[in-house]
Amino acid sequence: MNLCADSLWQDICRIRKEAPLVHNITNYVVMNCTANALLALGASPVMAHEIREVEEMVAISRALVINIGTLSSPWVESMKRGMQKARDLHIPVVLDPVGMGATSYRGDVVHALLETAPVTALRGNASEIRALAWSRERTKGVDSLADSENAREAGAFLAKKYNCVVCVSGPRDYVISPEKEGCMENGDPMMTRVTGMGCTASALCGAFLALGGSPFSAVLHAMATMGIAGEMGASQSKGPGTLQQNFLDSLHSITEEDISRHLKGSIIL
């Protein structure tokens, strides 16, 4: 079953109209990238990790995105407290286990976060998802050593274990719930040469989840938008530097016609 371009466009229009506040406890490397991407899409980003304000910030937000890229003990405590507040207020949570499998500490943190409160969506590259599902898997820093195709089984396992949506990013993006699976084939290889693209995908998942609909559809729509904007941006770019600029411009200017022309994805029930 093919994805519905009309439904995706309606979600983008809602984000532009409602400008949902997306609270990000994310890493130093990508704060600027992800904030600009959320703004370009039409959402409203906030980056707040101080433990003395994190609960209040979650309470006025419509989604919480947790990204463990640059870990520190105080931030971990803020992540836990933020997730607990989101649970209490039924606010969707995205967890990005950046570099999962690279060190034992990262694994300990991710498992502790998953024990703290439920997540709505897990998004990572193939190695990160495999490392989370099968503890013996290793990663190369934050880069993937595996193809997304090889992480579908791990994604399905995690979706059932944590009753959430799992997104495995790669040449093909797989979005997996306990009941069904989607595959997105948009994007461009040049996107892998720009730091923070995966983290940006997680932030966009937060924006679509903030609309309050089906988590499975929200993550599918986020990854489709990410991939289409990447394709459009890459077609105008000479390299990674100009891609960063053109990707943001494409997110900002994407139209219903762009979606209809570029969208490549399917759902397996």
Protein backbone atom coordinates (compact mmCIF):
# COMPACT_ATOMS: atom_id res chain seq x y z
CA MET A 1 0.00 0.00 0.00
CA ASN A 2 1.45 3.37 -1.05
CA LEU A 3 1.68 6.34 1.28
CA CYS A 4 -0.96 9.07 1.00
CA ALA A 5 0.56 12.32 -0.24
CA ASP A 6 -2.60 14.23 0.76
CA SER A 7 -2.31 13.12 4.38
CA LEU A 8 1.35 14.12 4.52
CA TRP A 9 0.59 17.53 3.07
CA GLN A 10 -2.21 18.09 5.57
CA ASP A 11 0.22 17.41 8.43
CA ILE A 12 2.76 19.87 7.02
CA CYS A 13 0.04 22.51 6.73
CA ARG A 14 -0.97 21.90 10.35
CA ILE A 15 2.62 22.28 11.54
CA ARG A 16 2.93 25.57 9.66
CA LYS A 17 -0.36 26.80 11.09
CA GLU A 18 0.01 25.61 14.69
CA ALA A 19 3.80 25.95 15.14
CA PRO A 20 3.93 23.26 17.87
CA LEU A 21 6.60 23.74 20.51
CA VAL A 22 9.09 20.88 20.39
CA HIS A 23 11.36 20.54 23.43
CA ASN A 24 14.79 19.13 22.58
CA ILE A 25 17.32 17.84 25.09
CA THR A 26 19.91 17.26 22.44
CA ASN A 27 23.64 17.44 21.79
CA TYR A 28 25.98 20.38 21.33
CA VAL A 29 26.92 19.35 17.78
CA VAL A 30 23.40 19.59 16.35
CA MET A 31 21.51 22.19 18.41
CA ASN A 32 21.72 24.83 15.71
CA CYS A 33 20.98 22.37 12.88
CA THR A 34 17.91 20.86 14.47
CA ALA A 35 16.52 24.18 15.71
CA ASN A 36 16.80 25.66 12.21
CA ALA A 37 15.20 22.58 10.64
CA LEU A 38 12.23 22.75 12.99
CA LEU A 39 11.84 26.46 12.27
CA ALA A 40 12.11 25.89 8.52
CA LEU A 41 9.37 23.26 8.68
CA GLY A 42 7.14 25.61 10.68
CA ALA A 43 7.49 24.19 14.19
CA SER A 44 8.84 26.05 17.22
CA PRO A 45 12.01 24.61 18.82
CA VAL A 46 13.31 25.00 22.35
CA MET A 47 16.63 23.58 23.57
CA ALA A 48 16.53 23.35 27.36
CA HIS A 49 18.49 20.87 29.46
CA GLU A 50 18.76 22.56 32.87
CA ILE A 51 17.17 20.27 35.46
CA ARG A 52 15.63 23.20 37.36
CA GLU A 53 13.39 24.14 34.43
CA VAL A 54 13.03 20.96 32.39
CA GLU A 55 9.66 19.90 33.83
CA GLU A 56 8.13 23.32 33.26
CA MET A 57 9.45 23.37 29.71
CA VAL A 58 8.04 19.94 28.97
CA ALA A 59 4.68 21.03 30.37
CA ILE A 60 4.31 23.82 27.79
CA SER A 61 5.60 21.68 24.89
CA ARG A 62 3.75 19.32 22.57
CA ALA A 63 6.62 16.86 22.08
CA LEU A 64 9.91 15.96 23.75
CA VAL A 65 12.98 14.83 21.79
CA ILE A 66 15.79 13.14 23.74
CA ASN A 67 19.16 12.85 21.98
CA ILE A 68 22.18 11.35 23.79
CA GLY A 69 24.87 12.54 21.37
CA THR A 70 27.00 14.47 23.88
CA LEU A 71 26.29 12.86 27.22
CA SER A 72 26.87 14.25 30.70
CA SER A 73 25.51 13.07 34.02
CA PRO A 74 23.48 16.25 34.74
CA TRP A 75 21.87 16.05 31.30
CA VAL A 76 20.93 12.41 31.86
CA GLU A 77 19.06 13.38 35.02
CA SER A 78 17.27 16.13 33.11
CA MET A 79 16.35 13.62 30.40
CA LYS A 80 14.85 11.29 32.99
CA ARG A 81 12.89 14.03 34.69
CA GLY A 82 11.67 15.38 31.37
CA MET A 83 10.52 11.94 30.24
CA GLN A 84 8.66 11.39 33.50
CA LYS A 85 6.86 14.72 33.10
CA ALA A 86 5.99 13.88 29.49
CA ARG A 87 4.57 10.53 30.65
CA ASP A 88 2.42 12.24 33.26
CA LEU A 89 1.07 14.74 30.71
CA HIS A 90 0.74 12.23 27.81
CA ILE A 91 3.23 14.17 25.69
CA PRO A 92 4.96 12.12 22.94
CA VAL A 93 8.64 11.33 23.41
CA VAL A 94 11.26 10.59 20.74
CA LEU A 95 14.49 8.90 21.86
CA ASP A 96 17.55 9.02 19.59
CA PRO A 97 20.20 6.59 20.95
CA VAL A 98 23.15 8.29 19.23
CA GLY A 99 26.27 6.12 19.25
CA MET A 100 24.52 3.22 20.98
CA GLY A 101 26.99 0.34 21.06
CA ALA A 102 30.10 2.54 20.91
CA THR A 103 30.61 2.51 24.70
CA SER A 104 29.05 0.65 27.60
CA TYR A 105 28.06 3.97 29.22
CA ARG A 106 25.85 4.90 26.29
CA GLY A 107 24.13 1.55 26.53
CA ASP A 108 23.59 1.98 30.26
CA VAL A 109 22.07 5.42 29.73
CA VAL A 110 19.70 4.32 26.96
CA HIS A 111 18.45 1.35 28.95
CA ALA A 112 18.01 3.55 32.04
CA LEU A 113 15.98 6.06 30.02
CA LEU A 114 13.78 3.32 28.60
CA GLU A 115 13.13 2.08 32.11
CA THR A 116 12.28 5.58 33.33
CA ALA A 117 9.24 6.23 31.14
CA PRO A 118 7.69 4.99 27.89
CA VAL A 119 8.81 6.41 24.56
CA THR A 120 6.58 7.01 21.57
CA ALA A 121 9.31 6.56 18.98
CA LEU A 122 12.89 5.30 18.78
CA ARG A 123 14.92 6.59 15.82
CA GLY A 124 18.46 5.56 15.01
CA ASN A 125 20.73 4.22 12.31
CA ALA A 126 20.97 0.51 11.67
CA SER A 127 23.93 -0.10 13.97
CA GLU A 128 22.34 1.82 16.83
CA ILE A 129 19.07 -0.06 16.53
CA ARG A 130 20.85 -3.41 16.29
CA ALA A 131 23.04 -2.55 19.28
CA LEU A 132 19.96 -1.65 21.32
CA ALA A 133 18.24 -4.91 20.41
CA TRP A 134 21.29 -7.19 20.44
CA SER A 135 23.82 -5.99 23.00
CA ARG A 136 26.79 -7.65 21.26
CA GLU A 137 26.53 -5.35 18.23
CA ARG A 138 29.08 -2.55 17.97
CA THR A 139 29.08 0.80 16.17
CA LYS A 140 31.75 3.05 14.71
CA GLY A 141 31.26 6.10 16.91
CA VAL A 142 27.95 7.58 15.78
CA ASP A 143 28.22 6.10 12.27
CA SER A 144 26.44 2.98 11.15
CA LEU A 145 28.33 -0.20 10.29
CA ALA A 146 25.15 -1.91 9.09
CA ASP A 147 22.56 -1.30 6.41
CA SER A 148 19.00 -0.44 7.42
CA GLU A 149 17.79 -3.60 5.69
CA ASN A 150 19.81 -5.64 8.20
CA ALA A 151 18.15 -3.94 11.17
CA ARG A 152 14.50 -4.61 10.35
CA GLU A 153 14.34 -7.65 12.63
CA ALA A 154 15.92 -5.67 15.46
CA GLY A 155 13.48 -2.84 14.85
CA ALA A 156 10.50 -5.19 15.00
CA PHE A 157 11.82 -6.71 18.23
CA LEU A 158 12.18 -3.27 19.86
CA ALA A 159 8.77 -2.09 18.63
CA LYS A 160 7.10 -5.00 20.40
CA LYS A 161 9.31 -4.86 23.48
CA TYR A 162 8.71 -1.17 24.13
CA ASN A 163 5.31 -0.88 22.40
CA CYS A 164 6.53 2.02 20.32
CA VAL A 165 7.37 3.02 16.76
CA VAL A 166 10.94 2.29 15.69
CA CYS A 167 12.58 4.11 12.78
CA VAL A 168 15.72 2.65 11.22
CA SER A 169 17.45 5.27 9.06
CA GLY A 170 19.54 4.39 6.05
CA PRO A 171 19.42 4.28 2.24
CA ARG A 172 15.89 3.10 2.93
CA ASP A 173 14.16 4.30 6.08
CA TYR A 174 12.10 1.64 7.81
CA VAL A 175 9.32 2.68 10.19
CA ILE A 176 8.11 -0.23 12.31
CA SER A 177 5.27 -0.50 14.79
CA PRO A 178 4.11 -3.62 16.64
CA GLU A 179 1.45 -4.08 13.93
CA LYS A 180 2.92 -2.87 10.63
CA GLU A 181 5.94 -1.60 8.74
CA GLY A 182 6.60 1.24 6.35
CA CYS A 183 9.49 1.83 3.98
CA MET A 184 10.60 5.25 2.74
CA GLU A 185 12.93 5.51 -0.24
CA ASN A 186 13.46 9.26 -0.42
CA GLY A 187 16.75 11.00 0.32
CA ASP A 188 20.15 11.51 -1.26
CA PRO A 189 23.57 9.94 -0.49
CA MET A 190 25.07 13.40 0.03
CA MET A 191 23.00 13.74 3.20
CA THR A 192 25.39 11.31 4.91
CA ARG A 193 28.19 13.89 4.48
CA VAL A 194 26.39 16.49 6.62
CA THR A 195 26.59 16.13 10.38
CA GLY A 196 23.35 16.06 12.32
CA MET A 197 21.03 14.82 9.59
CA GLY A 198 19.94 11.83 11.68
CA CYS A 199 19.40 14.06 14.68
CA THR A 200 17.38 16.39 12.49
CA ALA A 201 15.19 13.47 11.47
CA SER A 202 14.48 12.76 15.14
CA ALA A 203 13.56 16.40 15.73
CA LEU A 204 11.18 16.36 12.77
CA CYS A 205 9.59 13.21 14.19
CA GLY A 206 8.86 15.28 17.29
CA ALA A 207 7.16 17.97 15.20
CA PHE A 208 4.84 15.50 13.46
CA LEU A 209 4.12 13.59 16.69
CA ALA A 210 3.12 16.91 18.28
CA LEU A 211 0.02 16.90 16.05
CA GLY A 212 -1.44 14.11 18.17
CA GLY A 213 -2.35 11.60 15.48
CA SER A 214 -1.10 8.08 14.82
CA PRO A 215 2.55 7.76 15.93
CA PHE A 216 3.23 5.37 13.03
CA SER A 217 1.91 7.86 10.46
CA ALA A 218 3.68 10.76 12.18
CA VAL A 219 7.10 9.11 11.97
CA LEU A 220 6.46 8.02 8.37
CA HIS A 221 5.51 11.57 7.45
CA ALA A 222 8.57 12.99 9.21
CA MET A 223 10.94 10.67 7.36
CA ALA A 224 9.20 11.31 4.03
CA THR A 225 9.51 15.08 4.53
CA MET A 226 13.15 14.72 5.54
CA GLY A 227 13.96 12.60 2.49
CA ILE A 228 12.09 14.77 -0.01
CA ALA A 229 13.70 17.95 1.30
CA GLY A 230 17.08 16.18 1.09
CA GLU A 231 16.48 15.22 -2.53
CA MET A 232 15.34 18.70 -3.46
CA GLY A 233 18.26 20.30 -1.65
CA ALA A 234 20.85 17.95 -3.12
CA SER A 235 19.63 18.63 -6.67
CA GLN A 236 20.70 22.26 -6.22
CA SER A 237 23.92 21.65 -4.29
CA LYS A 238 27.58 21.34 -5.26
CA GLY A 239 28.51 19.60 -2.01
CA PRO A 240 27.68 19.16 1.69
CA GLY A 241 28.13 22.85 2.49
CA THR A 242 25.50 24.08 0.09
CA LEU A 243 23.31 21.08 0.90
CA GLN A 244 22.90 22.33 4.47
CA GLN A 245 21.54 25.62 3.18
CA ASN A 246 19.43 24.13 0.40
CA PHE A 247 17.97 21.45 2.67
CA LEU A 248 16.63 24.13 5.03
CA ASP A 249 15.28 26.15 2.12
CA SER A 250 13.55 23.04 0.76
CA LEU A 251 11.96 22.29 4.14
CA HIS A 252 10.68 25.84 4.25
CA SER A 253 9.34 25.94 0.71
CA ILE A 254 8.13 22.35 0.16
CA THR A 255 4.77 22.26 -1.63
CA GLU A 256 1.99 19.77 -2.20
CA GLU A 257 3.25 19.37 -5.77
CA ASP A 258 6.77 18.58 -4.51
CA ILE A 259 5.38 15.83 -2.29
CA SER A 260 3.28 14.30 -5.05
CA ARG A 261 6.24 14.32 -7.44
CA HIS A 262 8.89 12.94 -5.06
CA LEU A 263 7.13 10.72 -2.52
CA LYS A 264 8.37 7.11 -2.65
CA GLY A 265 7.16 4.83 0.10
CA SER A 266 4.94 1.94 1.02
CA ILE A 267 3.23 0.34 4.01
CA ILE A 268 3.26 -3.38 4.72
CA LEU A 269 0.37 -4.51 6.91
